[in-house]
PDB file of all heavy atoms in Angstrom:
ATOM      1  N   ASP A   1      -9.323 -89.249 -14.775  1.00  0.00           N
ATOM      2  CA  ASP A   1      -8.114 -88.785 -15.459  1.00  0.00           C
ATOM      3  C   ASP A   1      -8.057 -87.259 -15.425  1.00  0.00           C
ATOM      4  O   ASP A   1      -9.064 -86.588 -15.597  1.00  0.00           O
ATOM      5  CB  ASP A   1      -8.141 -89.287 -16.909  1.00  0.00           C
ATOM      6  CG  ASP A   1      -6.873 -88.933 -17.650  1.00  0.00           C
ATOM      7  OD1 ASP A   1      -6.778 -87.785 -18.135  1.00  0.00           O
ATOM      8  OD2 ASP A   1      -5.988 -89.798 -17.754  1.00  0.00           O
ATOM      9  N   ARG A   2      -6.858 -86.705 -15.220  1.00  0.00           N
ATOM     10  CA  ARG A   2      -6.720 -85.246 -15.118  1.00  0.00           C
ATOM     11  C   ARG A   2      -7.070 -84.529 -16.413  1.00  0.00           C
ATOM     12  O   ARG A   2      -7.339 -83.328 -16.415  1.00  0.00           O
ATOM     13  CB  ARG A   2      -5.295 -84.877 -14.693  1.00  0.00           C
ATOM     14  CG  ARG A   2      -4.217 -85.162 -15.719  1.00  0.00           C
ATOM     15  CD  ARG A   2      -2.837 -84.878 -15.172  1.00  0.00           C
ATOM     16  NE  ARG A   2      -1.762 -85.115 -16.130  1.00  0.00           N
ATOM     17  CZ  ARG A   2      -1.220 -86.301 -16.378  1.00  0.00           C
ATOM     18  NH1 ARG A   2      -1.676 -87.382 -15.763  1.00  0.00           N
ATOM     19  NH2 ARG A   2      -0.232 -86.419 -17.257  1.00  0.00           N
ATOM     20  N   HIS A   3      -7.050 -85.242 -17.538  1.00  0.00           N
ATOM     21  CA  HIS A   3      -7.364 -84.625 -18.824  1.00  0.00           C
ATOM     22  C   HIS A   3      -8.871 -84.572 -19.083  1.00  0.00           C
ATOM     23  O   HIS A   3      -9.313 -83.878 -19.997  1.00  0.00           O
ATOM     24  CB  HIS A   3      -6.691 -85.407 -19.957  1.00  0.00           C
ATOM     25  CG  HIS A   3      -5.198 -85.475 -19.832  1.00  0.00           C
ATOM     26  ND1 HIS A   3      -4.381 -84.406 -20.091  1.00  0.00           N
ATOM     27  CD2 HIS A   3      -4.378 -86.499 -19.465  1.00  0.00           C
ATOM     28  CE1 HIS A   3      -3.117 -84.760 -19.902  1.00  0.00           C
ATOM     29  NE2 HIS A   3      -3.090 -86.023 -19.520  1.00  0.00           N
ATOM     30  N   THR A   4      -9.644 -85.306 -18.291  1.00  0.00           N
ATOM     31  CA  THR A   4     -11.093 -85.393 -18.502  1.00  0.00           C
ATOM     32  C   THR A   4     -11.792 -84.140 -17.988  1.00  0.00           C
ATOM     33  O   THR A   4     -11.537 -83.680 -16.875  1.00  0.00           O
ATOM     34  CB  THR A   4     -11.670 -86.634 -17.782  1.00  0.00           C
ATOM     35  OG1 THR A   4     -11.038 -87.803 -18.298  1.00  0.00           O
ATOM     36  CG2 THR A   4     -13.170 -86.731 -17.999  1.00  0.00           C
ATOM     37  N   LYS A   5     -12.663 -83.602 -18.813  1.00  0.00           N
ATOM     38  CA  LYS A   5     -13.463 -82.435 -18.417  1.00  0.00           C
ATOM     39  C   LYS A   5     -14.936 -82.818 -18.485  1.00  0.00           C
ATOM     40  O   LYS A   5     -15.589 -82.686 -19.522  1.00  0.00           O
ATOM     41  CB  LYS A   5     -13.150 -81.249 -19.327  1.00  0.00           C
ATOM     42  CG  LYS A   5     -11.698 -80.794 -19.219  1.00  0.00           C
ATOM     43  CD  LYS A   5     -11.392 -79.614 -20.121  1.00  0.00           C
ATOM     44  CE  LYS A   5      -9.934 -79.183 -19.952  1.00  0.00           C
ATOM     45  NZ  LYS A   5      -9.593 -78.024 -20.818  1.00  0.00           N
ATOM     46  N   ALA A   6     -15.413 -83.344 -17.365  1.00  0.00           N
ATOM     47  CA  ALA A   6     -16.806 -83.788 -17.266  1.00  0.00           C
ATOM     48  C   ALA A   6     -17.459 -83.096 -16.083  1.00  0.00           C
ATOM     49  O   ALA A   6     -16.778 -82.491 -15.238  1.00  0.00           O
ATOM     50  CB  ALA A   6     -16.850 -85.307 -17.089  1.00  0.00           C
ATOM     51  N   ALA A   7     -18.767 -83.188 -15.983  1.00  0.00           N
ATOM     52  CA  ALA A   7     -19.508 -82.521 -14.909  1.00  0.00           C
ATOM     53  C   ALA A   7     -19.005 -82.954 -13.530  1.00  0.00           C
ATOM     54  O   ALA A   7     -18.871 -82.136 -12.613  1.00  0.00           O
ATOM     55  CB  ALA A   7     -20.994 -82.819 -15.054  1.00  0.00           C
ATOM     56  N   SER A   8     -18.692 -84.239 -13.388  1.00  0.00           N
ATOM     57  CA  SER A   8     -18.234 -84.749 -12.097  1.00  0.00           C
ATOM     58  C   SER A   8     -16.893 -84.144 -11.680  1.00  0.00           C
ATOM     59  O   SER A   8     -16.578 -84.061 -10.487  1.00  0.00           O
ATOM     60  CB  SER A   8     -18.104 -86.274 -12.149  1.00  0.00           C
ATOM     61  OG  SER A   8     -17.143 -86.663 -13.122  1.00  0.00           O
ATOM     62  N   GLU A   9     -16.109 -83.690 -12.664  1.00  0.00           N
ATOM     63  CA  GLU A   9     -14.787 -83.154 -12.375  1.00  0.00           C
ATOM     64  C   GLU A   9     -14.819 -81.689 -11.911  1.00  0.00           C
ATOM     65  O   GLU A   9     -13.776 -81.102 -11.631  1.00  0.00           O
ATOM     66  CB  GLU A   9     -13.886 -83.291 -13.598  1.00  0.00           C
ATOM     67  CG  GLU A   9     -13.517 -84.731 -13.938  1.00  0.00           C
ATOM     68  CD  GLU A   9     -12.645 -85.402 -12.880  1.00  0.00           C
ATOM     69  OE1 GLU A   9     -12.095 -84.689 -12.001  1.00  0.00           O
ATOM     70  OE2 GLU A   9     -12.506 -86.633 -12.925  1.00  0.00           O
ATOM     71  N   LYS A  10     -16.015 -81.120 -11.838  1.00  0.00           N
ATOM     72  CA  LYS A  10     -16.133 -79.767 -11.277  1.00  0.00           C
ATOM     73  C   LYS A  10     -15.861 -79.777  -9.775  1.00  0.00           C
ATOM     74  O   LYS A  10     -15.602 -78.739  -9.172  1.00  0.00           O
ATOM     75  CB  LYS A  10     -17.523 -79.200 -11.547  1.00  0.00           C
ATOM     76  CG  LYS A  10     -17.809 -78.917 -13.020  1.00  0.00           C
ATOM     77  CD  LYS A  10     -19.208 -78.358 -13.201  1.00  0.00           C
ATOM     78  CE  LYS A  10     -19.517 -78.117 -14.682  1.00  0.00           C
ATOM     79  NZ  LYS A  10     -20.898 -77.598 -14.884  1.00  0.00           N
ATOM     80  N   HIS A  11     -15.935 -80.959  -9.186  1.00  0.00           N
ATOM     81  CA  HIS A  11     -15.730 -81.095  -7.740  1.00  0.00           C
ATOM     82  C   HIS A  11     -14.698 -82.194  -7.471  1.00  0.00           C
ATOM     83  O   HIS A  11     -15.044 -83.298  -7.054  1.00  0.00           O
ATOM     84  CB  HIS A  11     -17.051 -81.414  -7.042  1.00  0.00           C
ATOM     85  CG  HIS A  11     -18.127 -80.410  -7.316  1.00  0.00           C
ATOM     86  ND1 HIS A  11     -18.135 -79.153  -6.745  1.00  0.00           N
ATOM     87  CD2 HIS A  11     -19.220 -80.474  -8.126  1.00  0.00           C
ATOM     88  CE1 HIS A  11     -19.181 -78.477  -7.179  1.00  0.00           C
ATOM     89  NE2 HIS A  11     -19.848 -79.244  -8.010  1.00  0.00           N
ATOM     90  N   PRO A  12     -13.419 -81.908  -7.719  1.00  0.00           N
ATOM     91  CA  PRO A  12     -12.380 -82.928  -7.507  1.00  0.00           C
ATOM     92  C   PRO A  12     -12.191 -83.218  -6.019  1.00  0.00           C
ATOM     93  O   PRO A  12     -12.607 -82.447  -5.157  1.00  0.00           O
ATOM     94  CB  PRO A  12     -11.129 -82.268  -8.105  1.00  0.00           C
ATOM     95  CG  PRO A  12     -11.378 -80.806  -7.982  1.00  0.00           C
ATOM     96  CD  PRO A  12     -12.851 -80.628  -8.189  1.00  0.00           C
ATOM     97  N   TYR A  13     -11.555 -84.345  -5.730  1.00  0.00           N
ATOM     98  CA  TYR A  13     -11.224 -84.683  -4.346  1.00  0.00           C
ATOM     99  C   TYR A  13     -10.094 -83.785  -3.846  1.00  0.00           C
ATOM    100  O   TYR A  13      -9.388 -83.154  -4.634  1.00  0.00           O
ATOM    101  CB  TYR A  13     -10.769 -86.150  -4.254  1.00  0.00           C
ATOM    102  CG  TYR A  13     -11.812 -87.165  -4.623  1.00  0.00           C
ATOM    103  CD1 TYR A  13     -11.569 -88.105  -5.626  1.00  0.00           C
ATOM    104  CD2 TYR A  13     -13.043 -87.203  -3.966  1.00  0.00           C
ATOM    105  CE1 TYR A  13     -12.522 -89.067  -5.962  1.00  0.00           C
ATOM    106  CE2 TYR A  13     -14.001 -88.152  -4.297  1.00  0.00           C
ATOM    107  CZ  TYR A  13     -13.738 -89.082  -5.299  1.00  0.00           C
ATOM    108  OH  TYR A  13     -14.674 -90.022  -5.637  1.00  0.00           O
ATOM    109  N   HIS A  14      -9.921 -83.740  -2.530  1.00  0.00           N
ATOM    110  CA  HIS A  14      -8.793 -83.038  -1.927  1.00  0.00           C
ATOM    111  C   HIS A  14      -7.831 -84.076  -1.352  1.00  0.00           C
ATOM    112  O   HIS A  14      -8.259 -85.137  -0.889  1.00  0.00           O
ATOM    113  CB  HIS A  14      -9.255 -82.122  -0.787  1.00  0.00           C
ATOM    114  CG  HIS A  14     -10.102 -80.974  -1.233  1.00  0.00           C
ATOM    115  ND1 HIS A  14     -10.345 -79.869  -0.438  1.00  0.00           N
ATOM    116  CD2 HIS A  14     -10.784 -80.753  -2.385  1.00  0.00           C
ATOM    117  CE1 HIS A  14     -11.138 -79.016  -1.093  1.00  0.00           C
ATOM    118  NE2 HIS A  14     -11.411 -79.543  -2.270  1.00  0.00           N
ATOM    119  N   ILE A  15      -6.546 -83.767  -1.354  1.00  0.00           N
ATOM    120  CA  ILE A  15      -5.552 -84.628  -0.724  1.00  0.00           C
ATOM    121  C   ILE A  15      -4.421 -83.751  -0.188  1.00  0.00           C
ATOM    122  O   ILE A  15      -3.985 -82.808  -0.859  1.00  0.00           O
ATOM    123  CB  ILE A  15      -5.014 -85.701  -1.702  1.00  0.00           C
ATOM    124  CG1 ILE A  15      -4.056 -86.645  -0.993  1.00  0.00           C
ATOM    125  CG2 ILE A  15      -4.355 -85.065  -2.929  1.00  0.00           C
ATOM    126  CD1 ILE A  15      -3.684 -87.879  -1.805  1.00  0.00           C
ATOM    127  N   THR A  16      -3.972 -84.041   1.036  1.00  0.00           N
ATOM    128  CA  THR A  16      -2.917 -83.265   1.671  1.00  0.00           C
ATOM    129  C   THR A  16      -1.569 -83.927   1.395  1.00  0.00           C
ATOM    130  O   THR A  16      -1.394 -85.108   1.684  1.00  0.00           O
ATOM    131  CB  THR A  16      -3.142 -83.183   3.198  1.00  0.00           C
ATOM    132  OG1 THR A  16      -4.518 -82.877   3.457  1.00  0.00           O
ATOM    133  CG2 THR A  16      -2.257 -82.126   3.820  1.00  0.00           C
ATOM    134  N   LEU A  17      -0.628 -83.163   0.837  1.00  0.00           N
ATOM    135  CA  LEU A  17       0.687 -83.687   0.477  1.00  0.00           C
ATOM    136  C   LEU A  17       1.778 -82.832   1.124  1.00  0.00           C
ATOM    137  O   LEU A  17       1.735 -81.605   1.035  1.00  0.00           O
ATOM    138  CB  LEU A  17       0.877 -83.682  -1.045  1.00  0.00           C
ATOM    139  CG  LEU A  17      -0.180 -84.413  -1.890  1.00  0.00           C
ATOM    140  CD1 LEU A  17       0.080 -84.170  -3.373  1.00  0.00           C
ATOM    141  CD2 LEU A  17      -0.181 -85.909  -1.579  1.00  0.00           C
ATOM    142  N   LEU A  18       2.759 -83.479   1.757  1.00  0.00           N
ATOM    143  CA  LEU A  18       3.866 -82.770   2.397  1.00  0.00           C
ATOM    144  C   LEU A  18       5.198 -83.301   1.871  1.00  0.00           C
ATOM    145  O   LEU A  18       5.371 -84.519   1.729  1.00  0.00           O
ATOM    146  CB  LEU A  18       3.829 -82.970   3.921  1.00  0.00           C
ATOM    147  CG  LEU A  18       2.561 -82.559   4.670  1.00  0.00           C
ATOM    148  CD1 LEU A  18       2.697 -82.933   6.147  1.00  0.00           C
ATOM    149  CD2 LEU A  18       2.293 -81.070   4.525  1.00  0.00           C
ATOM    150  N   ALA A  19       6.131 -82.400   1.623  1.00  0.00           N
ATOM    151  CA  ALA A  19       7.474 -82.814   1.191  1.00  0.00           C
ATOM    152  C   ALA A  19       8.294 -83.201   2.416  1.00  0.00           C
ATOM    153  O   ALA A  19       8.381 -82.447   3.381  1.00  0.00           O
ATOM    154  CB  ALA A  19       8.160 -81.674   0.444  1.00  0.00           C
ATOM    155  N   LYS A  20       8.900 -84.401   2.381  1.00  0.00           N
ATOM    156  CA  LYS A  20       9.725 -84.806   3.516  1.00  0.00           C
ATOM    157  C   LYS A  20      11.214 -84.628   3.224  1.00  0.00           C
ATOM    158  O   LYS A  20      12.042 -84.780   4.126  1.00  0.00           O
ATOM    159  CB  LYS A  20       9.425 -86.249   3.912  1.00  0.00           C
ATOM    160  CG  LYS A  20       9.725 -87.308   2.872  1.00  0.00           C
ATOM    161  CD  LYS A  20       9.354 -88.696   3.408  1.00  0.00           C
ATOM    162  CE  LYS A  20       9.570 -89.772   2.375  1.00  0.00           C
ATOM    163  NZ  LYS A  20       9.197 -91.117   2.893  1.00  0.00           N
ATOM    164  N   ASN A  21      11.560 -84.300   1.987  1.00  0.00           N
ATOM    165  CA  ASN A  21      12.961 -84.048   1.631  1.00  0.00           C
ATOM    166  C   ASN A  21      12.981 -83.241   0.328  1.00  0.00           C
ATOM    167  O   ASN A  21      11.936 -82.861  -0.200  1.00  0.00           O
ATOM    168  CB  ASN A  21      13.739 -85.360   1.482  1.00  0.00           C
ATOM    169  CG  ASN A  21      13.037 -86.358   0.565  1.00  0.00           C
ATOM    170  OD1 ASN A  21      12.412 -85.966  -0.434  1.00  0.00           O
ATOM    171  ND2 ASN A  21      13.133 -87.639   0.882  1.00  0.00           N
ATOM    172  N   ASN A  22      14.174 -82.997  -0.180  1.00  0.00           N
ATOM    173  CA  ASN A  22      14.298 -82.159  -1.370  1.00  0.00           C
ATOM    174  C   ASN A  22      13.673 -82.816  -2.602  1.00  0.00           C
ATOM    175  O   ASN A  22      13.098 -82.135  -3.463  1.00  0.00           O
ATOM    176  CB  ASN A  22      15.769 -81.829  -1.649  1.00  0.00           C
ATOM    177  CG  ASN A  22      15.926 -80.641  -2.575  1.00  0.00           C
ATOM    178  OD1 ASN A  22      15.313 -79.596  -2.358  1.00  0.00           O
ATOM    179  ND2 ASN A  22      16.734 -80.793  -3.611  1.00  0.00           N
ATOM    180  N   THR A  23      13.774 -84.145  -2.684  1.00  0.00           N
ATOM    181  CA  THR A  23      13.133 -84.867  -3.788  1.00  0.00           C
ATOM    182  C   THR A  23      11.625 -84.656  -3.745  1.00  0.00           C
ATOM    183  O   THR A  23      10.979 -84.410  -4.770  1.00  0.00           O
ATOM    184  CB  THR A  23      13.451 -86.373  -3.708  1.00  0.00           C
ATOM    185  OG1 THR A  23      14.864 -86.559  -3.838  1.00  0.00           O
ATOM    186  CG2 THR A  23      12.733 -87.148  -4.810  1.00  0.00           C
ATOM    187  N   GLY A  24      11.068 -84.734  -2.549  1.00  0.00           N
ATOM    188  CA  GLY A  24       9.636 -84.514  -2.396  1.00  0.00           C
ATOM    189  C   GLY A  24       9.229 -83.096  -2.774  1.00  0.00           C
ATOM    190  O   GLY A  24       8.184 -82.885  -3.397  1.00  0.00           O
ATOM    191  N   TYR A  25      10.065 -82.120  -2.406  1.00  0.00           N
ATOM    192  CA  TYR A  25       9.764 -80.732  -2.757  1.00  0.00           C
ATOM    193  C   TYR A  25       9.757 -80.549  -4.273  1.00  0.00           C
ATOM    194  O   TYR A  25       8.851 -79.914  -4.833  1.00  0.00           O
ATOM    195  CB  TYR A  25      10.800 -79.799  -2.113  1.00  0.00           C
ATOM    196  CG  TYR A  25      10.646 -78.356  -2.510  1.00  0.00           C
ATOM    197  CD1 TYR A  25       9.475 -77.649  -2.240  1.00  0.00           C
ATOM    198  CD2 TYR A  25      11.673 -77.689  -3.185  1.00  0.00           C
ATOM    199  CE1 TYR A  25       9.337 -76.317  -2.615  1.00  0.00           C
ATOM    200  CE2 TYR A  25      11.545 -76.366  -3.559  1.00  0.00           C
ATOM    201  CZ  TYR A  25      10.377 -75.680  -3.268  1.00  0.00           C
ATOM    202  OH  TYR A  25      10.241 -74.369  -3.661  1.00  0.00           O
ATOM    203  N   LYS A  26      10.744 -81.119  -4.940  1.00  0.00           N
ATOM    204  CA  LYS A  26      10.785 -81.019  -6.408  1.00  0.00           C
ATOM    205  C   LYS A  26       9.566 -81.702  -7.039  1.00  0.00           C
ATOM    206  O   LYS A  26       9.013 -81.205  -8.023  1.00  0.00           O
ATOM    207  CB  LYS A  26      12.081 -81.647  -6.932  1.00  0.00           C
ATOM    208  CG  LYS A  26      13.330 -80.840  -6.617  1.00  0.00           C
ATOM    209  CD  LYS A  26      14.587 -81.519  -7.155  1.00  0.00           C
ATOM    210  CE  LYS A  26      15.826 -80.687  -6.864  1.00  0.00           C
ATOM    211  NZ  LYS A  26      17.051 -81.354  -7.377  1.00  0.00           N
ATOM    212  N   ASN A  27       9.151 -82.820  -6.452  1.00  0.00           N
ATOM    213  CA  ASN A  27       7.965 -83.504  -6.976  1.00  0.00           C
ATOM    214  C   ASN A  27       6.696 -82.696  -6.731  1.00  0.00           C
ATOM    215  O   ASN A  27       5.789 -82.693  -7.571  1.00  0.00           O
ATOM    216  CB  ASN A  27       7.849 -84.903  -6.362  1.00  0.00           C
ATOM    217  CG  ASN A  27       8.704 -85.928  -7.092  1.00  0.00           C
ATOM    218  OD1 ASN A  27       8.893 -85.837  -8.307  1.00  0.00           O
ATOM    219  ND2 ASN A  27       9.232 -86.898  -6.374  1.00  0.00           N
ATOM    220  N   LEU A  28       6.622 -82.001  -5.611  1.00  0.00           N
ATOM    221  CA  LEU A  28       5.470 -81.124  -5.371  1.00  0.00           C
ATOM    222  C   LEU A  28       5.412 -80.017  -6.424  1.00  0.00           C
ATOM    223  O   LEU A  28       4.333 -79.678  -6.924  1.00  0.00           O
ATOM    224  CB  LEU A  28       5.552 -80.497  -3.979  1.00  0.00           C
ATOM    225  CG  LEU A  28       5.151 -81.338  -2.775  1.00  0.00           C
ATOM    226  CD1 LEU A  28       5.189 -80.478  -1.513  1.00  0.00           C
ATOM    227  CD2 LEU A  28       3.757 -81.943  -2.941  1.00  0.00           C
ATOM    228  N   LEU A  29       6.570 -79.453  -6.743  1.00  0.00           N
ATOM    229  CA  LEU A  29       6.630 -78.415  -7.783  1.00  0.00           C
ATOM    230  C   LEU A  29       6.140 -78.973  -9.120  1.00  0.00           C
ATOM    231  O   LEU A  29       5.387 -78.313  -9.846  1.00  0.00           O
ATOM    232  CB  LEU A  29       8.055 -77.891  -7.932  1.00  0.00           C
ATOM    233  CG  LEU A  29       8.627 -77.079  -6.765  1.00  0.00           C
ATOM    234  CD1 LEU A  29      10.104 -76.785  -7.003  1.00  0.00           C
ATOM    235  CD2 LEU A  29       7.851 -75.785  -6.568  1.00  0.00           C
TER     236      LEU A  29
END
């Protein structure tokens, strides 16, 4: 959970996200 602050969360995963339209851009923001 993004609200959790535990030792394991010092190293979050990475994920690549691209906006394919204006809705996607707003969601990225």
